[in-house]
Protein backbone atom coordinates (compact mmCIF):
# COMPACT_ATOMS: atom_id res chain seq x y z
CA ALA A 1 -108.00 -12.15 -29.90
CA ASP A 2 -109.86 -13.42 -33.16
CA GLY A 3 -112.23 -10.99 -33.91
CA GLN A 4 -110.18 -7.69 -33.65
CA ARG A 5 -109.17 -5.71 -36.37
CA ARG A 6 -105.52 -6.47 -37.37
CA PHE A 7 -105.32 -2.99 -39.60
CA ARG A 8 -106.97 -0.19 -37.81
CA PRO A 9 -107.35 2.57 -39.40
CA ASP A 10 -109.11 4.71 -37.55
CA ILE A 11 -105.91 4.49 -35.32
CA GLU A 12 -103.50 6.31 -38.31
CA GLY A 13 -106.24 9.27 -38.10
CA LEU A 14 -105.97 9.44 -34.82
CA ARG A 15 -102.46 10.02 -35.44
CA ALA A 16 -103.51 12.61 -37.31
CA ILE A 17 -105.99 14.45 -35.05
CA ALA A 18 -103.14 14.98 -33.12
CA VAL A 19 -100.04 15.50 -35.10
CA ILE A 20 -102.45 18.76 -36.77
CA ALA A 21 -103.25 20.17 -33.13
CA VAL A 22 -99.94 19.99 -32.04
CA VAL A 23 -98.57 21.60 -35.16
CA LEU A 24 -101.45 23.85 -34.81
CA SER A 25 -100.86 24.73 -31.09
CA HIS A 26 -96.73 25.72 -31.93
CA ALA A 27 -98.73 27.50 -35.06
CA SER A 28 -100.68 30.12 -33.12
CA LEU A 29 -103.63 29.62 -35.08
CA GLY A 30 -106.08 29.45 -33.02
CA VAL A 31 -106.33 26.14 -31.39
CA ARG A 32 -104.51 26.63 -28.13
CA GLY A 33 -104.99 23.69 -26.21
CA GLY A 34 -103.24 21.65 -29.27
CA TYR A 35 -100.78 20.58 -27.25
CA VAL A 36 -102.71 17.93 -25.51
CA GLY A 37 -102.36 15.92 -29.19
CA VAL A 38 -99.15 14.74 -27.53
CA ASP A 39 -101.32 12.68 -24.75
CA VAL A 40 -103.32 11.34 -27.71
CA PHE A 41 -99.96 9.93 -29.26
CA PHE A 42 -98.90 7.88 -25.09
CA VAL A 43 -102.32 6.71 -25.75
CA ILE A 44 -102.23 5.61 -28.69
CA SER A 45 -98.13 4.21 -28.45
CA GLY A 46 -98.94 2.52 -25.88
CA PHE A 47 -101.90 0.45 -26.74
CA LEU A 48 -100.14 -0.07 -30.63
CA ILE A 49 -97.22 -2.03 -29.05
CA THR A 50 -98.79 -3.89 -25.46
CA ARG A 51 -101.12 -5.25 -28.39
CA GLN A 52 -98.00 -6.75 -30.33
CA LEU A 53 -96.47 -7.47 -27.69
CA ILE A 54 -99.10 -10.10 -26.43
CA GLU A 55 -100.34 -10.73 -30.07
CA GLU A 56 -96.76 -12.06 -30.00
CA VAL A 57 -97.64 -13.95 -27.11
CA ASP A 58 -100.33 -15.98 -28.30
CA ARG A 59 -98.29 -16.72 -31.44
CA ARG A 60 -94.65 -18.04 -30.63
CA GLY A 61 -95.66 -18.54 -26.51
CA ARG A 62 -93.30 -15.41 -25.77
CA PHE A 63 -91.43 -12.47 -27.53
CA SER A 64 -88.28 -11.75 -27.94
CA PHE A 65 -86.20 -9.01 -26.32
CA ALA A 66 -83.50 -8.56 -28.97
CA LYS A 67 -86.20 -8.07 -31.64
CA PHE A 68 -89.06 -5.86 -30.32
CA TYR A 69 -85.85 -3.57 -29.42
CA ALA A 70 -84.69 -4.09 -32.76
CA ARG A 71 -87.85 -2.65 -34.39
CA ARG A 72 -87.80 0.75 -31.94
CA VAL A 73 -84.11 1.05 -32.40
CA ARG A 74 -84.55 0.68 -36.51
CA ARG A 75 -87.61 3.09 -36.37
CA ILE A 76 -86.75 5.73 -34.17
CA VAL A 77 -82.74 6.10 -33.84
CA PRO A 78 -82.16 7.19 -37.82
CA ALA A 79 -84.57 9.80 -38.36
CA ALA A 80 -83.87 11.22 -34.65
CA THR A 81 -80.21 11.10 -35.25
CA LEU A 82 -80.77 13.04 -38.88
CA VAL A 83 -82.53 15.58 -37.25
CA THR A 84 -80.01 16.28 -33.60
CA ILE A 85 -77.00 16.31 -36.14
CA ALA A 86 -79.61 18.63 -38.88
CA THR A 87 -80.56 21.25 -35.27
CA LEU A 88 -77.02 20.85 -34.34
CA ILE A 89 -74.99 22.23 -37.81
CA GLY A 90 -78.30 25.54 -37.57
CA ALA A 91 -77.55 26.32 -33.97
CA TYR A 92 -73.73 26.06 -34.99
CA PHE A 93 -74.37 29.16 -37.82
CA TRP A 94 -77.73 31.20 -36.89
CA ALA A 95 -77.71 30.62 -32.95
CA ILE A 96 -76.27 32.82 -30.30
CA PRO A 97 -72.84 31.70 -29.52
CA LEU A 98 -73.24 32.16 -25.77
CA ARG A 99 -76.33 29.29 -26.61
CA LEU A 100 -74.00 26.89 -28.23
CA GLY A 101 -72.78 25.02 -25.26
CA ALA A 102 -76.30 24.69 -23.78
CA ILE A 103 -78.09 23.34 -27.00
CA ALA A 104 -74.93 20.84 -27.25
CA ARG A 105 -75.72 19.51 -24.06
CA ASP A 106 -78.85 19.87 -25.01
CA GLY A 107 -78.04 17.23 -28.03
CA LEU A 108 -76.78 14.93 -25.93
CA ALA A 109 -79.59 14.64 -23.45
CA ALA A 110 -81.59 14.07 -26.39
CA ALA A 111 -79.64 11.77 -28.22
CA LEU A 112 -79.59 9.37 -25.07
CA PHE A 113 -83.93 9.61 -24.56
CA GLY A 114 -83.47 11.62 -21.45
CA ILE A 115 -84.03 15.42 -21.76
CA ASN A 116 -87.41 15.21 -20.64
CA TRP A 117 -86.00 15.52 -16.82
CA HIS A 118 -82.93 17.39 -18.89
CA LEU A 119 -85.90 19.95 -19.49
CA ALA A 120 -87.34 19.34 -15.77
CA ALA A 121 -84.12 19.37 -13.87
CA ARG A 122 -83.07 22.70 -15.61
CA GLY A 123 -86.51 24.15 -14.47
CA THR A 124 -87.28 25.06 -17.42
CA ASP A 125 -91.66 25.53 -18.35
CA TYR A 126 -93.38 24.14 -21.21
CA PHE A 127 -95.95 27.43 -20.79
CA GLN A 128 -93.96 30.14 -19.05
CA ALA A 129 -91.10 29.61 -20.47
CA SER A 130 -89.08 33.48 -20.74
CA ALA A 131 -86.01 32.55 -22.67
CA PRO A 132 -85.75 30.52 -26.23
CA PRO A 133 -86.80 27.02 -26.07
CA SER A 134 -83.76 24.80 -26.68
CA PRO A 135 -83.71 23.45 -30.60
CA PHE A 136 -84.11 19.63 -29.15
CA GLN A 137 -87.66 20.43 -26.24
CA HIS A 138 -90.01 19.08 -28.55
CA TYR A 139 -87.87 15.45 -28.28
CA TRP A 140 -89.57 15.40 -24.38
CA SER A 141 -91.89 12.93 -25.57
CA LEU A 142 -89.96 10.65 -27.30
CA SER A 143 -88.08 10.40 -24.26
CA VAL A 144 -90.56 9.16 -22.13
CA GLU A 145 -91.98 7.27 -24.39
CA GLU A 146 -88.69 5.14 -24.53
CA GLN A 147 -88.06 5.26 -21.91
CA PHE A 148 -91.71 3.86 -21.47
CA TYR A 149 -89.97 0.72 -23.32
CA LEU A 150 -87.18 0.40 -21.99
CA GLY A 151 -88.98 -0.98 -18.46
CA TRP A 152 -92.99 -1.69 -19.70
CA PRO A 153 -91.62 -5.69 -21.58
CA LEU A 154 -89.89 -6.86 -19.37
CA LEU A 155 -92.52 -5.59 -16.60
CA LEU A 156 -95.02 -7.37 -19.00
CA ALA A 157 -93.08 -10.53 -19.57
CA ILE A 158 -92.60 -11.23 -15.66
CA VAL A 159 -96.24 -11.22 -14.98
CA LEU A 160 -96.98 -13.18 -18.93
CA PHE A 161 -94.92 -15.67 -18.01
CA SER A 162 -95.28 -15.87 -14.08
CA LEU A 163 -98.37 -17.03 -14.53
CA ARG A 164 -99.47 -19.95 -17.07
CA ASN A 165 -103.78 -19.63 -16.15
CA PRO A 166 -104.18 -17.12 -19.12
CA ARG A 167 -107.39 -15.25 -16.62
CA GLN A 168 -104.97 -15.10 -13.86
CA ARG A 169 -102.39 -13.03 -16.46
CA SER A 170 -105.58 -11.21 -17.76
CA ARG A 171 -106.79 -10.69 -14.10
CA THR A 172 -103.13 -9.33 -13.04
CA LEU A 173 -102.14 -7.27 -16.24
CA VAL A 174 -105.69 -5.40 -15.21
CA ALA A 175 -104.29 -4.69 -11.41
CA VAL A 176 -101.19 -3.88 -12.21
CA LEU A 177 -101.48 -1.21 -15.14
CA SER A 178 -104.03 -0.31 -12.76
CA ILE A 179 -102.26 0.59 -10.39
CA VAL A 180 -99.60 1.85 -12.92
CA ILE A 181 -102.50 4.54 -13.85
CA GLY A 182 -103.44 5.69 -10.38
CA LEU A 183 -99.96 6.05 -8.73
CA SER A 184 -98.82 8.13 -12.06
CA LEU A 185 -101.92 10.50 -12.30
CA TRP A 186 -101.53 11.14 -8.57
CA ALA A 187 -97.63 11.75 -9.43
CA SER A 188 -99.23 13.71 -12.23
CA ILE A 189 -102.20 15.53 -10.02
CA TYR A 190 -99.55 17.06 -7.26
CA PHE A 191 -96.15 17.93 -9.12
CA THR A 192 -98.55 19.45 -11.85
CA ASP A 193 -99.33 22.09 -8.62
CA VAL A 194 -96.05 22.02 -6.82
CA SER A 195 -93.20 21.75 -9.09
CA ALA A 196 -94.23 22.63 -13.51
CA PRO A 197 -92.02 21.29 -15.25
CA TYR A 198 -91.02 18.46 -13.08
CA GLY A 199 -95.57 18.37 -13.79
CA TYR A 200 -94.83 18.56 -17.89
CA PHE A 201 -92.37 17.01 -18.66
CA GLY A 202 -91.92 13.85 -15.94
CA THR A 203 -92.46 10.55 -16.43
CA HIS A 204 -93.50 9.48 -13.72
CA THR A 205 -96.04 11.98 -14.65
CA ARG A 206 -96.81 10.38 -17.60
CA VAL A 207 -96.48 6.89 -17.93
CA TRP A 208 -100.52 7.01 -16.99
CA GLU A 209 -101.55 7.81 -20.31
CA LEU A 210 -99.11 4.83 -21.36
CA ALA A 211 -100.62 2.29 -19.78
CA VAL A 212 -104.32 3.56 -20.60
CA GLY A 213 -103.44 2.29 -24.14
CA ALA A 214 -101.87 -1.25 -22.53
CA LEU A 215 -105.05 -1.41 -20.68
CA ILE A 216 -107.40 -1.40 -23.34
CA ALA A 217 -104.34 -3.59 -24.88
CA ALA A 218 -105.02 -6.44 -22.18
CA THR A 219 -108.52 -5.82 -22.81
CA ALA A 220 -109.41 -5.74 -26.49
CA GLY A 221 -110.48 -9.36 -26.42
CA SER A 222 -113.77 -7.85 -24.11
CA LEU A 223 -114.14 -4.93 -25.26
CA GLN A 224 -114.61 -6.36 -28.70
CA ARG A 225 -117.81 -7.42 -27.89
CA LEU A 226 -118.57 -4.55 -27.34
CA PRO A 227 -122.24 -3.57 -29.13
CA ARG A 228 -122.56 -1.54 -31.71
CA ILE A 229 -124.82 0.58 -30.45
CA LEU A 230 -122.33 1.39 -28.12
CA ALA A 231 -119.60 1.43 -30.34
CA ALA A 232 -120.04 4.18 -32.11
CA PRO A 233 -121.53 7.12 -29.54
CA ALA A 234 -118.46 5.72 -27.19
CA ALA A 235 -116.45 6.88 -30.33
CA TRP A 236 -117.96 9.63 -31.26
CA LEU A 237 -117.65 11.50 -27.10
CA GLY A 238 -114.00 9.88 -27.34
CA PHE A 239 -113.75 12.37 -30.78
CA GLY A 240 -115.87 15.35 -29.16
CA ALA A 241 -113.57 14.74 -25.85
CA ILE A 242 -110.68 15.64 -27.79
CA LEU A 243 -111.85 18.98 -30.12
CA VAL A 244 -113.31 20.31 -26.28
CA SER A 245 -109.77 19.99 -24.49
CA CYS A 246 -108.17 21.34 -27.82
CA PHE A 247 -109.90 24.12 -28.28
CA LEU A 248 -110.91 25.44 -24.80
CA TYR A 249 -107.83 24.70 -22.94
CA SER A 250 -105.42 27.10 -23.33
CA PRO A 251 -101.70 27.76 -21.97
CA ALA A 252 -102.73 28.65 -18.94
CA THR A 253 -104.16 25.66 -17.93
CA LEU A 254 -102.72 23.79 -14.78
CA TYR A 255 -101.19 20.51 -17.17
CA PRO A 256 -100.97 18.26 -17.28
CA GLY A 257 -102.66 16.89 -14.36
CA PHE A 258 -106.56 16.46 -13.63
CA ALA A 259 -106.74 17.73 -16.57
CA ALA A 260 -104.75 15.25 -18.90
CA VAL A 261 -108.10 13.06 -18.44
CA LEU A 262 -110.02 14.44 -21.42
CA PRO A 263 -107.51 13.83 -24.00
CA VAL A 264 -106.25 10.58 -22.98
CA ALA A 265 -109.55 9.29 -21.81
CA GLY A 266 -110.67 10.87 -24.99
CA ALA A 267 -108.68 8.46 -27.49
CA GLY A 268 -109.00 5.83 -24.97
CA LEU A 269 -112.59 5.54 -26.06
CA ILE A 270 -112.18 5.85 -29.80
CA ILE A 271 -109.45 3.64 -29.37
CA CYS A 272 -111.90 0.59 -27.71
CA ALA A 273 -115.39 1.34 -29.23
CA GLY A 274 -112.69 -0.51 -32.63
CA CYS A 275 -111.23 -2.85 -30.85
CA GLY A 276 -114.39 -5.08 -32.46
CA PRO A 277 -115.72 -4.09 -35.58
CA ALA A 278 -115.47 -1.29 -37.35
CA PRO A 279 -118.96 0.56 -35.14
CA ARG A 280 -121.38 1.72 -37.91
CA GLY A 281 -122.13 5.80 -37.66
CA GLY A 282 -118.38 6.22 -35.79
CA PRO A 283 -116.29 8.99 -36.19
CA GLU A 284 -113.64 6.54 -38.50
CA ALA A 285 -115.02 7.30 -41.51
CA LEU A 286 -114.38 11.14 -40.63
CA LEU A 287 -110.44 9.57 -39.51
CA SER A 288 -110.41 6.41 -41.66
CA VAL A 289 -110.36 8.83 -45.14
CA TRP A 290 -107.02 8.82 -46.95
CA PRO A 291 -105.65 12.34 -46.29
CA MET A 292 -106.09 11.56 -42.24
CA ARG A 293 -104.30 8.04 -42.67
CA TRP A 294 -101.67 9.70 -44.78
CA THR A 295 -100.69 12.73 -42.13
CA GLY A 296 -101.01 9.45 -39.02
CA ARG A 297 -99.25 7.48 -41.32
CA ILE A 298 -95.94 10.17 -41.61
CA SER A 299 -96.03 11.42 -38.66
């Protein structure tokens, strides 16, 4: 929509919050629930990718699958491939020889963007692992995102191009995304309780988080009319939800499941609040300072 900002400095800053939380969590520097930064990233990704596709349809009447996937390849594959090769070389020199076969298989699964299912099938417990983690374990979230990118543009195209009435298209898109969110959140709650590896690494238990971002993008035209007097408190509420989950959650938290709702809702509120003009008095001033934006950009 015309009133939407093309560039969202608050989202760059939100990326920074997410990556800093994850790094501090892995470094055991007091942010025990910092792993929720991954969930924040999922919401951001769902929003940005869907907005990009919808804007292309609004501008050109269609979108190109070839160009979409070419952009993904250029953005992801070179860096991911370099890290994969460097990790395999490092493992050859420094890993225990008996682990080399398993590490090589993990590297192949990472290169094919399927390591999340590979880890789940192997019974990897993210929080309770007794063995050393795979050097490719961090690829799991990238795999979830790439699997989402594989199916979502096709589903979006079916909705957008099978219905000519813009209002009907919007309602159908909201309905489809709401169903995806509902089913995937249920799967997250269920599998987190009965099978921790599939609950944590499964695409079916995580896709609702990307779909929340997609839903915000699909309804951004309405959200931009959110009164400024409400936008700033909503953004602060979202900011607080992310911080609370970072500091109150821990490896003992049953996660993702229902607990993931807090950081996902927090990220969603911040993105919703910024769909119109920058809300005065909101956290955007903090999120937009150059160190935050720089950190978010390189993340």
